[in-house]
Structures are given as C-alpha cells and as structure tokens.
Amino acid sequence: MSQLGNVPEIIEIKEHLNELKKKQLISEWELPYENILTRHTAAIFFLTPTDKSNLSLIWKELAVYEGLKYFINEDKKLSSLTWRFEFNA
C-alpha cells in the first residue's frame, strides 16, 4: 500500500504535467489534498492550458494513464483553474 502523499502513479502524472508546462501546453496545474491521497484514482487534478488549441494534445498526452476523464471546472470549489481531470478505472 502507498504511503499518504507518496503514490508512484501520482508522482508520474505530476512529472508529466511539469513536462507539459515546460512545453508551454499548460500554464498551471494543481492537485488539491495531495498529501492525503493513497491512490491516483482518488486524485482530482486541475489545469489551465496556455491556449484552447492545445487541449486535444494535452488530453492525448494524458490518455496514456488509464481512465482519463476531463471536464470544464464549472464550480471552482477546489481550484480556480479551467479544467478538472481524473483517472477512474
């Protein structure tokens, strides 16, 4: 079992998000409550693309992780970023 806040799958996704940021596909990303997560399927990530035209490439990149689901972040309760995404098996 993974330790709280030390989940290999989440670490891998975070590294991927940092790469997307370096490639200037996303301007910001967030993972609220990261320190209490024990599995990546419980994580809710948020991001804002640098441009809407990057979205298809961003989702294609993140689709390598099984169960990708993404939504416009309408309620803005956990984050003010534009998009919400998660991985549900």
N, C-alpha and C. Protein backbone atom coordinates (compact mmCIF):
# COMPACT_ATOMS: atom_id res chain seq x y z
N MET A 1 0.84 -1.18 0.00
CA MET A 1 0.00 0.00 0.00
C MET A 1 0.88 1.24 0.00
N SER A 2 0.48 2.26 -0.71
CA SER A 2 1.23 3.51 -0.78
C SER A 2 1.07 4.31 0.50
N GLN A 3 2.09 5.09 0.80
CA GLN A 3 2.01 6.00 1.94
C GLN A 3 1.24 7.24 1.52
N LEU A 4 0.63 7.87 2.50
CA LEU A 4 -0.09 9.11 2.22
C LEU A 4 0.84 10.09 1.51
N GLY A 5 0.35 10.65 0.41
CA GLY A 5 1.10 11.65 -0.32
C GLY A 5 2.31 11.14 -1.08
N ASN A 6 2.55 9.84 -1.09
CA ASN A 6 3.70 9.27 -1.79
C ASN A 6 3.22 8.12 -2.67
N VAL A 7 2.49 8.47 -3.73
CA VAL A 7 1.90 7.48 -4.62
C VAL A 7 2.65 7.52 -5.95
N PRO A 8 3.32 6.42 -6.31
CA PRO A 8 4.12 6.43 -7.54
C PRO A 8 3.36 6.89 -8.78
N GLU A 9 2.12 6.47 -8.94
CA GLU A 9 1.34 6.87 -10.12
C GLU A 9 1.08 8.37 -10.13
N ILE A 10 0.82 8.95 -8.95
CA ILE A 10 0.60 10.39 -8.87
C ILE A 10 1.89 11.15 -9.17
N ILE A 11 2.99 10.66 -8.65
CA ILE A 11 4.29 11.28 -8.92
C ILE A 11 4.57 11.28 -10.43
N GLU A 12 4.27 10.17 -11.09
CA GLU A 12 4.48 10.08 -12.54
C GLU A 12 3.60 11.08 -13.29
N ILE A 13 2.35 11.21 -12.90
CA ILE A 13 1.43 12.16 -13.55
C ILE A 13 1.90 13.59 -13.32
N LYS A 14 2.34 13.89 -12.11
CA LYS A 14 2.84 15.23 -11.81
C LYS A 14 4.07 15.57 -12.65
N GLU A 15 4.96 14.61 -12.83
CA GLU A 15 6.14 14.83 -13.67
C GLU A 15 5.71 15.08 -15.12
N HIS A 16 4.70 14.34 -15.57
CA HIS A 16 4.19 14.54 -16.93
C HIS A 16 3.59 15.94 -17.07
N LEU A 17 2.84 16.38 -16.07
CA LEU A 17 2.26 17.72 -16.10
C LEU A 17 3.35 18.79 -16.12
N ASN A 18 4.42 18.57 -15.39
CA ASN A 18 5.53 19.52 -15.42
C ASN A 18 6.18 19.57 -16.80
N GLU A 19 6.25 18.43 -17.46
CA GLU A 19 6.77 18.40 -18.84
C GLU A 19 5.85 19.18 -19.78
N LEU A 20 4.54 19.02 -19.62
CA LEU A 20 3.59 19.76 -20.45
C LEU A 20 3.71 21.26 -20.21
N LYS A 21 4.02 21.62 -18.98
CA LYS A 21 4.23 23.03 -18.65
C LYS A 21 5.51 23.54 -19.31
N LYS A 22 6.58 22.75 -19.28
CA LYS A 22 7.83 23.13 -19.94
C LYS A 22 7.65 23.28 -21.44
N LYS A 23 6.77 22.46 -22.02
CA LYS A 23 6.47 22.54 -23.46
C LYS A 23 5.49 23.68 -23.77
N GLN A 24 5.08 24.38 -22.72
CA GLN A 24 4.16 25.51 -22.82
C GLN A 24 2.78 25.12 -23.36
N LEU A 25 2.36 23.90 -23.04
CA LEU A 25 1.00 23.47 -23.39
C LEU A 25 0.02 23.85 -22.28
N ILE A 26 0.51 23.86 -21.03
CA ILE A 26 -0.33 24.28 -19.92
C ILE A 26 0.39 25.41 -19.18
N SER A 27 -0.40 26.31 -18.61
CA SER A 27 0.20 27.40 -17.85
C SER A 27 0.29 27.06 -16.37
N GLU A 28 -0.69 26.30 -15.87
CA GLU A 28 -0.72 25.92 -14.47
C GLU A 28 -1.41 24.57 -14.31
N TRP A 29 -1.07 23.88 -13.22
CA TRP A 29 -1.82 22.69 -12.82
C TRP A 29 -1.82 22.61 -11.30
N GLU A 30 -2.83 21.94 -10.76
CA GLU A 30 -2.95 21.79 -9.31
C GLU A 30 -3.47 20.40 -8.97
N LEU A 31 -3.11 19.97 -7.77
CA LEU A 31 -3.61 18.72 -7.21
C LEU A 31 -3.97 18.96 -5.75
N PRO A 32 -5.21 19.40 -5.47
CA PRO A 32 -5.60 19.67 -4.09
C PRO A 32 -5.54 18.39 -3.23
N TYR A 33 -5.24 18.56 -1.98
CA TYR A 33 -5.22 17.48 -0.99
C TYR A 33 -4.24 16.37 -1.34
N GLU A 34 -3.20 16.72 -2.05
CA GLU A 34 -2.21 15.74 -2.50
C GLU A 34 -1.62 14.93 -1.33
N ASN A 35 -1.41 15.57 -0.21
CA ASN A 35 -0.74 14.90 0.91
C ASN A 35 -1.60 13.86 1.62
N ILE A 36 -2.89 13.72 1.28
CA ILE A 36 -3.72 12.70 1.92
C ILE A 36 -4.14 11.59 0.95
N LEU A 37 -3.66 11.65 -0.28
CA LEU A 37 -4.05 10.65 -1.28
C LEU A 37 -3.25 9.37 -1.14
N THR A 38 -3.91 8.25 -1.40
CA THR A 38 -3.23 6.95 -1.35
C THR A 38 -3.30 6.21 -2.68
N ARG A 39 -4.02 6.76 -3.66
CA ARG A 39 -4.08 6.15 -4.99
C ARG A 39 -4.44 7.23 -6.01
N HIS A 40 -3.97 7.02 -7.24
CA HIS A 40 -4.19 8.05 -8.26
C HIS A 40 -5.65 8.13 -8.70
N THR A 41 -6.42 7.07 -8.52
CA THR A 41 -7.83 7.10 -8.92
C THR A 41 -8.68 7.94 -7.96
N ALA A 42 -8.11 8.35 -6.84
CA ALA A 42 -8.81 9.24 -5.91
C ALA A 42 -8.44 10.71 -6.14
N ALA A 43 -7.45 10.94 -6.99
CA ALA A 43 -6.94 12.29 -7.21
C ALA A 43 -7.80 13.06 -8.20
N ILE A 44 -7.99 14.33 -7.91
CA ILE A 44 -8.67 15.25 -8.83
C ILE A 44 -7.66 16.34 -9.17
N PHE A 45 -7.25 16.35 -10.42
CA PHE A 45 -6.28 17.32 -10.93
C PHE A 45 -7.01 18.46 -11.62
N PHE A 46 -6.31 19.59 -11.72
CA PHE A 46 -6.84 20.74 -12.43
C PHE A 46 -5.73 21.33 -13.28
N LEU A 47 -6.12 21.92 -14.41
CA LEU A 47 -5.13 22.59 -15.25
C LEU A 47 -5.77 23.73 -16.03
N THR A 48 -4.91 24.62 -16.50
CA THR A 48 -5.30 25.66 -17.42
C THR A 48 -4.34 25.59 -18.59
N PRO A 49 -4.87 25.41 -19.81
CA PRO A 49 -3.99 25.37 -20.98
C PRO A 49 -3.47 26.77 -21.32
N THR A 50 -2.34 26.83 -21.98
CA THR A 50 -1.84 28.12 -22.43
C THR A 50 -2.71 28.67 -23.55
N ASP A 51 -3.36 27.75 -24.28
CA ASP A 51 -4.26 28.13 -25.36
C ASP A 51 -5.27 26.99 -25.56
N LYS A 52 -6.49 27.32 -25.88
CA LYS A 52 -7.52 26.30 -26.08
C LYS A 52 -7.14 25.32 -27.19
N SER A 53 -6.37 25.78 -28.15
CA SER A 53 -5.97 24.91 -29.25
C SER A 53 -5.05 23.77 -28.79
N ASN A 54 -4.51 23.88 -27.58
CA ASN A 54 -3.63 22.83 -27.05
C ASN A 54 -4.39 21.68 -26.39
N LEU A 55 -5.69 21.85 -26.16
CA LEU A 55 -6.43 20.87 -25.38
C LEU A 55 -6.38 19.46 -25.96
N SER A 56 -6.56 19.30 -27.26
CA SER A 56 -6.57 17.95 -27.81
C SER A 56 -5.21 17.26 -27.60
N LEU A 57 -4.13 18.01 -27.73
CA LEU A 57 -2.81 17.43 -27.49
C LEU A 57 -2.60 17.11 -26.00
N ILE A 58 -3.07 17.97 -25.13
CA ILE A 58 -2.96 17.73 -23.69
C ILE A 58 -3.69 16.45 -23.32
N TRP A 59 -4.94 16.31 -23.77
CA TRP A 59 -5.71 15.12 -23.42
C TRP A 59 -5.11 13.86 -24.04
N LYS A 60 -4.55 13.99 -25.23
CA LYS A 60 -3.88 12.85 -25.86
C LYS A 60 -2.67 12.42 -25.03
N GLU A 61 -1.90 13.39 -24.56
CA GLU A 61 -0.73 13.10 -23.71
C GLU A 61 -1.15 12.39 -22.42
N LEU A 62 -2.22 12.89 -21.78
CA LEU A 62 -2.64 12.33 -20.50
C LEU A 62 -3.43 11.04 -20.64
N ALA A 63 -3.87 10.72 -21.83
CA ALA A 63 -4.64 9.49 -22.06
C ALA A 63 -3.78 8.24 -21.92
N VAL A 64 -2.47 8.40 -21.79
CA VAL A 64 -1.63 7.23 -21.55
C VAL A 64 -1.92 6.62 -20.18
N TYR A 65 -2.56 7.39 -19.31
CA TYR A 65 -2.97 6.89 -18.00
C TYR A 65 -4.42 6.44 -18.10
N GLU A 66 -4.67 5.21 -17.76
CA GLU A 66 -5.99 4.59 -17.94
C GLU A 66 -7.09 5.34 -17.18
N GLY A 67 -8.23 5.47 -17.84
CA GLY A 67 -9.42 6.02 -17.19
C GLY A 67 -9.52 7.53 -17.20
N LEU A 68 -8.78 8.21 -18.08
CA LEU A 68 -8.82 9.68 -18.12
C LEU A 68 -10.24 10.18 -18.40
N LYS A 69 -10.70 11.09 -17.55
CA LYS A 69 -11.96 11.79 -17.75
C LYS A 69 -11.69 13.26 -17.45
N TYR A 70 -12.20 14.14 -18.31
CA TYR A 70 -11.95 15.57 -18.10
C TYR A 70 -13.23 16.36 -18.32
N PHE A 71 -13.30 17.48 -17.60
CA PHE A 71 -14.49 18.32 -17.58
C PHE A 71 -14.06 19.78 -17.43
N ILE A 72 -14.88 20.69 -17.91
CA ILE A 72 -14.67 22.09 -17.59
C ILE A 72 -14.95 22.26 -16.10
N ASN A 73 -14.10 22.96 -15.42
CA ASN A 73 -14.23 23.17 -13.98
C ASN A 73 -15.22 24.31 -13.74
N GLU A 74 -16.49 23.97 -13.66
CA GLU A 74 -17.53 24.99 -13.53
C GLU A 74 -17.70 25.48 -12.10
N ASP A 75 -17.61 24.61 -11.12
CA ASP A 75 -17.94 25.04 -9.75
C ASP A 75 -16.80 25.79 -9.06
N LYS A 76 -15.56 25.57 -9.47
CA LYS A 76 -14.39 26.29 -8.94
C LYS A 76 -14.25 26.18 -7.41
N LYS A 77 -14.77 25.10 -6.83
CA LYS A 77 -14.69 24.94 -5.38
C LYS A 77 -13.31 24.47 -4.93
N LEU A 78 -12.72 23.55 -5.65
CA LEU A 78 -11.41 23.04 -5.26
C LEU A 78 -10.25 23.78 -5.93
N SER A 79 -10.54 24.43 -7.05
CA SER A 79 -9.50 25.12 -7.80
C SER A 79 -10.14 26.17 -8.70
N SER A 80 -9.39 27.20 -8.99
CA SER A 80 -9.88 28.23 -9.91
C SER A 80 -9.41 27.96 -11.35
N LEU A 81 -8.67 26.87 -11.56
CA LEU A 81 -8.18 26.56 -12.90
C LEU A 81 -9.32 26.10 -13.81
N THR A 82 -9.10 26.14 -15.09
CA THR A 82 -10.14 25.97 -16.10
C THR A 82 -10.70 24.55 -16.23
N TRP A 83 -9.83 23.55 -16.18
CA TRP A 83 -10.23 22.17 -16.44
C TRP A 83 -9.97 21.28 -15.23
N ARG A 84 -10.86 20.31 -15.05
CA ARG A 84 -10.74 19.29 -14.00
C ARG A 84 -10.52 17.97 -14.71
N PHE A 85 -9.63 17.14 -14.20
CA PHE A 85 -9.48 15.80 -14.77
C PHE A 85 -9.11 14.80 -13.70
N GLU A 86 -9.46 13.56 -13.98
CA GLU A 86 -9.23 12.46 -13.03
C GLU A 86 -9.04 11.18 -13.81
N PHE A 87 -8.70 10.14 -13.10
CA PHE A 87 -8.45 8.84 -13.70
C PHE A 87 -9.27 7.79 -12.95
N ASN A 88 -10.32 7.33 -13.57
CA ASN A 88 -11.18 6.32 -12.95
C ASN A 88 -11.08 5.03 -13.75
N ALA A 89 -10.69 3.97 -13.08
CA ALA A 89 -10.53 2.67 -13.76
C ALA A 89 -11.87 2.05 -14.07
